[in-house]
Amino acid sequence: MNPELRQLIEELRADLADQPASLAYAEFGEGAAIDVVPASLPADLRDLLLVVDGLRAGRLELASTSTLAGIQYHLDYAPDFSTIPEDRAGWLVVGTRSDEPIFMDLGTGAIWYFPPNGAEWFMSDDFEELAPDLGSFVDYYLLGPGYADLTPADDRWFAFLDEQGLLDDEDEDVG
């Protein structure tokens, strides 16, 4: 994880602590102890969990060390057209978007999802890469202007990002 993203997470965690109502729309867990984070996880996910062990930001949520294993069942429901059923061991569910899974390709570290197309995610015809790595995903989609691309922009997290000045995508780049 780059130092700027680590600092941003710490600053947002502190700002959220000053807002008692924030638990209704955002929660940044404290970093996990190093001996709690499985060594088998990809390095960028391990790094993130050491800084923030579980992160809920509006309709997006990244799993904590204690919930990660419990969301892997989503892999069983991935549509046949996606590459997940062919190589289930090559994927990891790292979080959710409104209860729909967000996947990490363990071979590349890229973050993938089933974009909304009118069908339930497990019946979808679309499976797309969101970001080339977890850090880019967190920076752009959870903590930046990309949040509105994944969710309706009418929630408290969006308003919080706007109040923090994080919705300006002039300098953002996920690719």
C-alpha atoms as a PDB file:
ATOM      1  CA  MET A   1       0.000   0.000   0.000  1.00  0.00           C
ATOM      2  CA  ASN A   2       1.365   3.377  -0.890  1.00  0.00           C
ATOM      3  CA  PRO A   3       1.966   5.889   1.912  1.00  0.00           C
ATOM      4  CA  GLU A   4      -0.554   8.392   0.511  1.00  0.00           C
ATOM      5  CA  LEU A   5      -3.391   5.860   0.625  1.00  0.00           C
ATOM      6  CA  ARG A   6      -2.404   4.777   4.132  1.00  0.00           C
ATOM      7  CA  GLN A   7      -2.435   8.428   5.258  1.00  0.00           C
ATOM      8  CA  LEU A   8      -5.811   9.060   3.591  1.00  0.00           C
ATOM      9  CA  ILE A   9      -7.332   6.059   5.381  1.00  0.00           C
ATOM     10  CA  GLU A  10      -5.979   7.274   8.715  1.00  0.00           C
ATOM     11  CA  GLU A  11      -7.292  10.807   8.123  1.00  0.00           C
ATOM     12  CA  LEU A  12     -10.743   9.574   7.116  1.00  0.00           C
ATOM     13  CA  ARG A  13     -10.880   7.217  10.100  1.00  0.00           C
ATOM     14  CA  ALA A  14     -10.154  10.183  12.392  1.00  0.00           C
ATOM     15  CA  ASP A  15     -12.742  12.385  10.662  1.00  0.00           C
ATOM     16  CA  LEU A  16     -15.364   9.645  10.945  1.00  0.00           C
ATOM     17  CA  ALA A  17     -14.629   9.241  14.653  1.00  0.00           C
ATOM     18  CA  ASP A  18     -15.653  12.879  15.110  1.00  0.00           C
ATOM     19  CA  GLN A  19     -19.063  12.132  13.562  1.00  0.00           C
ATOM     20  CA  PRO A  20     -21.099   9.850  15.855  1.00  0.00           C
ATOM     21  CA  ALA A  21     -23.700   9.197  13.144  1.00  0.00           C
ATOM     22  CA  SER A  22     -21.019   7.826  10.801  1.00  0.00           C
ATOM     23  CA  LEU A  23     -21.590   4.243  11.945  1.00  0.00           C
ATOM     24  CA  ALA A  24     -24.791   4.333   9.923  1.00  0.00           C
ATOM     25  CA  TYR A  25     -22.871   4.779   6.663  1.00  0.00           C
ATOM     26  CA  ALA A  26     -19.170   4.122   7.250  1.00  0.00           C
ATOM     27  CA  GLU A  27     -16.901   2.134   9.501  1.00  0.00           C
ATOM     28  CA  PHE A  28     -13.144   1.721   9.272  1.00  0.00           C
ATOM     29  CA  GLY A  29     -11.846  -1.060  11.469  1.00  0.00           C
ATOM     30  CA  GLU A  30      -8.553  -0.727  13.271  1.00  0.00           C
ATOM     31  CA  GLY A  31      -5.674  -2.515  11.592  1.00  0.00           C
ATOM     32  CA  ALA A  32      -5.377  -6.241  12.244  1.00  0.00           C
ATOM     33  CA  ALA A  33      -2.513  -7.714  14.212  1.00  0.00           C
ATOM     34  CA  ILE A  34       0.098  -9.175  11.889  1.00  0.00           C
ATOM     35  CA  ASP A  35      -0.384 -12.696  13.308  1.00  0.00           C
ATOM     36  CA  VAL A  36      -4.126 -12.571  12.525  1.00  0.00           C
ATOM     37  CA  VAL A  37      -3.761 -11.859   8.793  1.00  0.00           C
ATOM     38  CA  PRO A  38      -3.299 -15.131   6.873  1.00  0.00           C
ATOM     39  CA  ALA A  39       0.109 -15.321   5.208  1.00  0.00           C
ATOM     40  CA  SER A  40      -1.536 -16.929   2.174  1.00  0.00           C
ATOM     41  CA  LEU A  41      -3.361 -13.723   1.209  1.00  0.00           C
ATOM     42  CA  PRO A  42      -1.996 -11.504  -1.574  1.00  0.00           C
ATOM     43  CA  ALA A  43       0.492  -8.919  -0.275  1.00  0.00           C
ATOM     44  CA  ASP A  44      -1.675  -5.882  -1.106  1.00  0.00           C
ATOM     45  CA  LEU A  45      -4.669  -7.358   0.721  1.00  0.00           C
ATOM     46  CA  ARG A  46      -2.470  -8.217   3.702  1.00  0.00           C
ATOM     47  CA  ASP A  47      -1.132  -4.654   3.729  1.00  0.00           C
ATOM     48  CA  LEU A  48      -4.642  -3.209   3.632  1.00  0.00           C
ATOM     49  CA  LEU A  49      -5.868  -5.452   6.456  1.00  0.00           C
ATOM     50  CA  LEU A  50      -2.938  -4.362   8.604  1.00  0.00           C
ATOM     51  CA  VAL A  51      -4.072  -0.737   8.157  1.00  0.00           C
ATOM     52  CA  VAL A  52      -7.839  -1.233   8.178  1.00  0.00           C
ATOM     53  CA  ASP A  53      -9.320  -4.602   9.125  1.00  0.00           C
ATOM     54  CA  GLY A  54     -12.653  -4.280   7.387  1.00  0.00           C
ATOM     55  CA  LEU A  55     -13.942  -1.160   5.735  1.00  0.00           C
ATOM     56  CA  ARG A  56     -17.552  -0.171   5.100  1.00  0.00           C
ATOM     57  CA  ALA A  57     -18.037   2.922   2.977  1.00  0.00           C
ATOM     58  CA  GLY A  58     -21.647   3.479   2.016  1.00  0.00           C
ATOM     59  CA  ARG A  59     -22.749   0.597  -0.169  1.00  0.00           C
ATOM     60  CA  LEU A  60     -19.220  -0.783  -0.566  1.00  0.00           C
ATOM     61  CA  GLU A  61     -17.599  -3.049   1.964  1.00  0.00           C
ATOM     62  CA  LEU A  62     -14.239  -4.759   2.127  1.00  0.00           C
ATOM     63  CA  ALA A  63     -14.072  -7.840   4.311  1.00  0.00           C
ATOM     64  CA  SER A  64     -12.169  -8.031   7.561  1.00  0.00           C
ATOM     65  CA  THR A  65      -9.908 -10.907   8.534  1.00  0.00           C
ATOM     66  CA  SER A  66     -12.810 -12.396  10.500  1.00  0.00           C
ATOM     67  CA  THR A  67     -15.374 -12.117   7.663  1.00  0.00           C
ATOM     68  CA  LEU A  68     -13.226 -12.908   4.615  1.00  0.00           C
ATOM     69  CA  ALA A  69     -13.737 -16.682   4.707  1.00  0.00           C
ATOM     70  CA  GLY A  70     -17.481 -16.257   5.199  1.00  0.00           C
ATOM     71  CA  ILE A  71     -18.043 -14.429   1.896  1.00  0.00           C
ATOM     72  CA  GLN A  72     -16.216 -16.884  -0.349  1.00  0.00           C
ATOM     73  CA  TYR A  73     -19.512 -18.713  -1.009  1.00  0.00           C
ATOM     74  CA  HIS A  74     -20.130 -16.118  -3.754  1.00  0.00           C
ATOM     75  CA  LEU A  75     -17.601 -18.026  -5.862  1.00  0.00           C
ATOM     76  CA  ASP A  76     -20.048 -20.951  -6.021  1.00  0.00           C
ATOM     77  CA  TYR A  77     -22.650 -18.774  -7.765  1.00  0.00           C
ATOM     78  CA  ALA A  78     -20.469 -17.139 -10.411  1.00  0.00           C
ATOM     79  CA  PRO A  79     -22.010 -17.486 -13.883  1.00  0.00           C
ATOM     80  CA  ASP A  80     -20.522 -20.088 -16.187  1.00  0.00           C
ATOM     81  CA  PHE A  81     -19.458 -17.515 -18.800  1.00  0.00           C
ATOM     82  CA  SER A  82     -17.033 -15.930 -16.336  1.00  0.00           C
ATOM     83  CA  THR A  83     -13.640 -17.506 -15.761  1.00  0.00           C
ATOM     84  CA  ILE A  84     -14.382 -18.097 -12.075  1.00  0.00           C
ATOM     85  CA  PRO A  85     -15.985 -21.584 -12.365  1.00  0.00           C
ATOM     86  CA  GLU A  86     -13.020 -22.775 -14.460  1.00  0.00           C
ATOM     87  CA  ASP A  87     -10.458 -21.546 -11.925  1.00  0.00           C
ATOM     88  CA  ARG A  88     -12.197 -21.035  -8.581  1.00  0.00           C
ATOM     89  CA  ALA A  89      -8.872 -21.166  -6.733  1.00  0.00           C
ATOM     90  CA  GLY A  90      -7.644 -18.231  -8.816  1.00  0.00           C
ATOM     91  CA  TRP A  91     -10.221 -15.836  -7.348  1.00  0.00           C
ATOM     92  CA  LEU A  92     -10.954 -14.309  -3.962  1.00  0.00           C
ATOM     93  CA  VAL A  93     -14.053 -12.397  -2.890  1.00  0.00           C
ATOM     94  CA  VAL A  94     -12.634  -9.341  -1.115  1.00  0.00           C
ATOM     95  CA  GLY A  95     -15.852  -7.476  -0.445  1.00  0.00           C
ATOM     96  CA  THR A  96     -19.299  -6.515  -1.611  1.00  0.00           C
ATOM     97  CA  ARG A  97     -21.173  -3.766  -3.383  1.00  0.00           C
ATOM     98  CA  SER A  98     -24.731  -3.729  -2.050  1.00  0.00           C
ATOM     99  CA  ASP A  99     -24.422  -7.451  -1.225  1.00  0.00           C
ATOM    100  CA  GLU A 100     -22.955  -8.270  -4.655  1.00  0.00           C
ATOM    101  CA  PRO A 101     -19.419  -9.678  -4.646  1.00  0.00           C
ATOM    102  CA  ILE A 102     -16.240  -7.844  -5.528  1.00  0.00           C
ATOM    103  CA  PHE A 103     -13.543 -10.247  -6.714  1.00  0.00           C
ATOM    104  CA  MET A 104      -9.764 -10.234  -6.831  1.00  0.00           C
ATOM    105  CA  ASP A 105      -8.012 -12.130  -9.602  1.00  0.00           C
ATOM    106  CA  LEU A 106      -5.249 -13.802  -7.614  1.00  0.00           C
ATOM    107  CA  GLY A 107      -3.062 -14.131 -10.715  1.00  0.00           C
ATOM    108  CA  THR A 108      -2.994 -10.423 -11.526  1.00  0.00           C
ATOM    109  CA  GLY A 109      -4.315  -8.708  -8.388  1.00  0.00           C
ATOM    110  CA  ALA A 110      -6.976  -6.954 -10.487  1.00  0.00           C
ATOM    111  CA  ILE A 111     -10.384  -6.197  -8.966  1.00  0.00           C
ATOM    112  CA  TRP A 112     -13.483  -7.411 -10.862  1.00  0.00           C
ATOM    113  CA  TYR A 113     -17.255  -7.237 -10.500  1.00  0.00           C
ATOM    114  CA  PHE A 114     -20.520  -7.953 -12.273  1.00  0.00           C
ATOM    115  CA  PRO A 115     -21.760  -4.511 -13.350  1.00  0.00           C
ATOM    116  CA  PRO A 116     -25.475  -3.729 -13.046  1.00  0.00           C
ATOM    117  CA  ASN A 117     -27.346  -4.676 -16.197  1.00  0.00           C
ATOM    118  CA  GLY A 118     -30.863  -5.374 -14.976  1.00  0.00           C
ATOM    119  CA  ALA A 119     -30.138  -8.994 -14.014  1.00  0.00           C
ATOM    120  CA  GLU A 120     -29.036 -10.417 -10.694  1.00  0.00           C
ATOM    121  CA  TRP A 121     -25.232 -10.621 -10.591  1.00  0.00           C
ATOM    122  CA  PHE A 122     -25.223 -14.431 -10.667  1.00  0.00           C
ATOM    123  CA  MET A 123     -27.303 -14.353 -13.872  1.00  0.00           C
ATOM    124  CA  SER A 124     -25.367 -11.526 -15.473  1.00  0.00           C
ATOM    125  CA  ASP A 125     -23.778 -11.552 -18.900  1.00  0.00           C
ATOM    126  CA  ASP A 126     -21.152  -8.985 -17.912  1.00  0.00           C
ATOM    127  CA  PHE A 127     -18.015  -9.416 -15.832  1.00  0.00           C
ATOM    128  CA  GLU A 128     -15.576  -6.518 -15.843  1.00  0.00           C
ATOM    129  CA  GLU A 129     -12.279  -5.419 -14.395  1.00  0.00           C
ATOM    130  CA  LEU A 130     -12.715  -2.361 -12.167  1.00  0.00           C
ATOM    131  CA  ALA A 131      -9.131  -1.627 -11.210  1.00  0.00           C
ATOM    132  CA  PRO A 132      -5.696  -3.106 -11.888  1.00  0.00           C
ATOM    133  CA  ASP A 133      -5.039  -3.637  -8.169  1.00  0.00           C
ATOM    134  CA  LEU A 134      -6.597  -3.332  -4.725  1.00  0.00           C
ATOM    135  CA  GLY A 135      -4.916  -0.033  -3.874  1.00  0.00           C
ATOM    136  CA  SER A 136      -6.284   1.630  -7.014  1.00  0.00           C
ATOM    137  CA  PHE A 137      -9.732   0.233  -6.256  1.00  0.00           C
ATOM    138  CA  VAL A 138      -9.733   1.560  -2.684  1.00  0.00           C
ATOM    139  CA  ASP A 139      -8.312   4.938  -3.704  1.00  0.00           C
ATOM    140  CA  TYR A 140     -10.646   5.563  -6.648  1.00  0.00           C
ATOM    141  CA  TYR A 141     -13.841   3.641  -5.920  1.00  0.00           C
ATOM    142  CA  LEU A 142     -14.115   3.521  -2.136  1.00  0.00           C
ATOM    143  CA  LEU A 143     -12.442   6.794  -1.230  1.00  0.00           C
ATOM    144  CA  GLY A 144     -12.744   8.817  -4.410  1.00  0.00           C
ATOM    145  CA  PRO A 145     -14.773   9.931  -7.395  1.00  0.00           C
ATOM    146  CA  GLY A 146     -15.401   6.396  -8.678  1.00  0.00           C
ATOM    147  CA  TYR A 147     -17.799   5.723  -5.801  1.00  0.00           C
ATOM    148  CA  ALA A 148     -20.630   7.312  -7.805  1.00  0.00           C
ATOM    149  CA  ASP A 149     -19.837   4.979 -10.724  1.00  0.00           C
ATOM    150  CA  LEU A 150     -20.664   1.969  -8.551  1.00  0.00           C
ATOM    151  CA  THR A 151     -23.555   3.238  -6.456  1.00  0.00           C
ATOM    152  CA  PRO A 152     -26.269   5.886  -6.536  1.00  0.00           C
ATOM    153  CA  ALA A 153     -24.783   9.215  -5.507  1.00  0.00           C
ATOM    154  CA  ASP A 154     -27.524   9.962  -3.009  1.00  0.00           C
ATOM    155  CA  ASP A 155     -26.114   8.380   0.122  1.00  0.00           C
ATOM    156  CA  ARG A 156     -24.251   9.666   3.171  1.00  0.00           C
ATOM    157  CA  TRP A 157     -20.906   8.227   2.094  1.00  0.00           C
ATOM    158  CA  PHE A 158     -21.061  10.167  -1.168  1.00  0.00           C
ATOM    159  CA  ALA A 159     -21.899  13.317   0.806  1.00  0.00           C
ATOM    160  CA  PHE A 160     -18.987  12.622   3.171  1.00  0.00           C
ATOM    161  CA  LEU A 161     -16.577  12.169   0.245  1.00  0.00           C
ATOM    162  CA  ASP A 162     -17.846  15.447  -1.204  1.00  0.00           C
ATOM    163  CA  GLU A 163     -17.375  17.234   2.148  1.00  0.00           C
ATOM    164  CA  GLN A 164     -13.802  15.889   2.248  1.00  0.00           C
ATOM    165  CA  GLY A 165     -13.078  17.152  -1.284  1.00  0.00           C
ATOM    166  CA  LEU A 166     -12.424  13.624  -2.575  1.00  0.00           C
ATOM    167  CA  LEU A 167     -14.782  13.628  -5.557  1.00  0.00           C
ATOM    168  CA  ASP A 168     -12.570  15.705  -7.852  1.00  0.00           C
ATOM    169  CA  ASP A 169     -11.250  13.178 -10.358  1.00  0.00           C
ATOM    170  CA  GLU A 170      -8.961  15.595 -12.166  1.00  0.00           C
ATOM    171  CA  ASP A 171      -5.833  13.901 -10.844  1.00  0.00           C
ATOM    172  CA  GLU A 172      -7.224  10.392 -10.426  1.00  0.00           C
ATOM    173  CA  ASP A 173      -6.127   7.494 -12.603  1.00  0.00           C
ATOM    174  CA  VAL A 174      -7.058   3.850 -12.036  1.00  0.00           C
ATOM    175  CA  GLY A 175      -5.414   2.446 -15.119  1.00  0.00           C
END
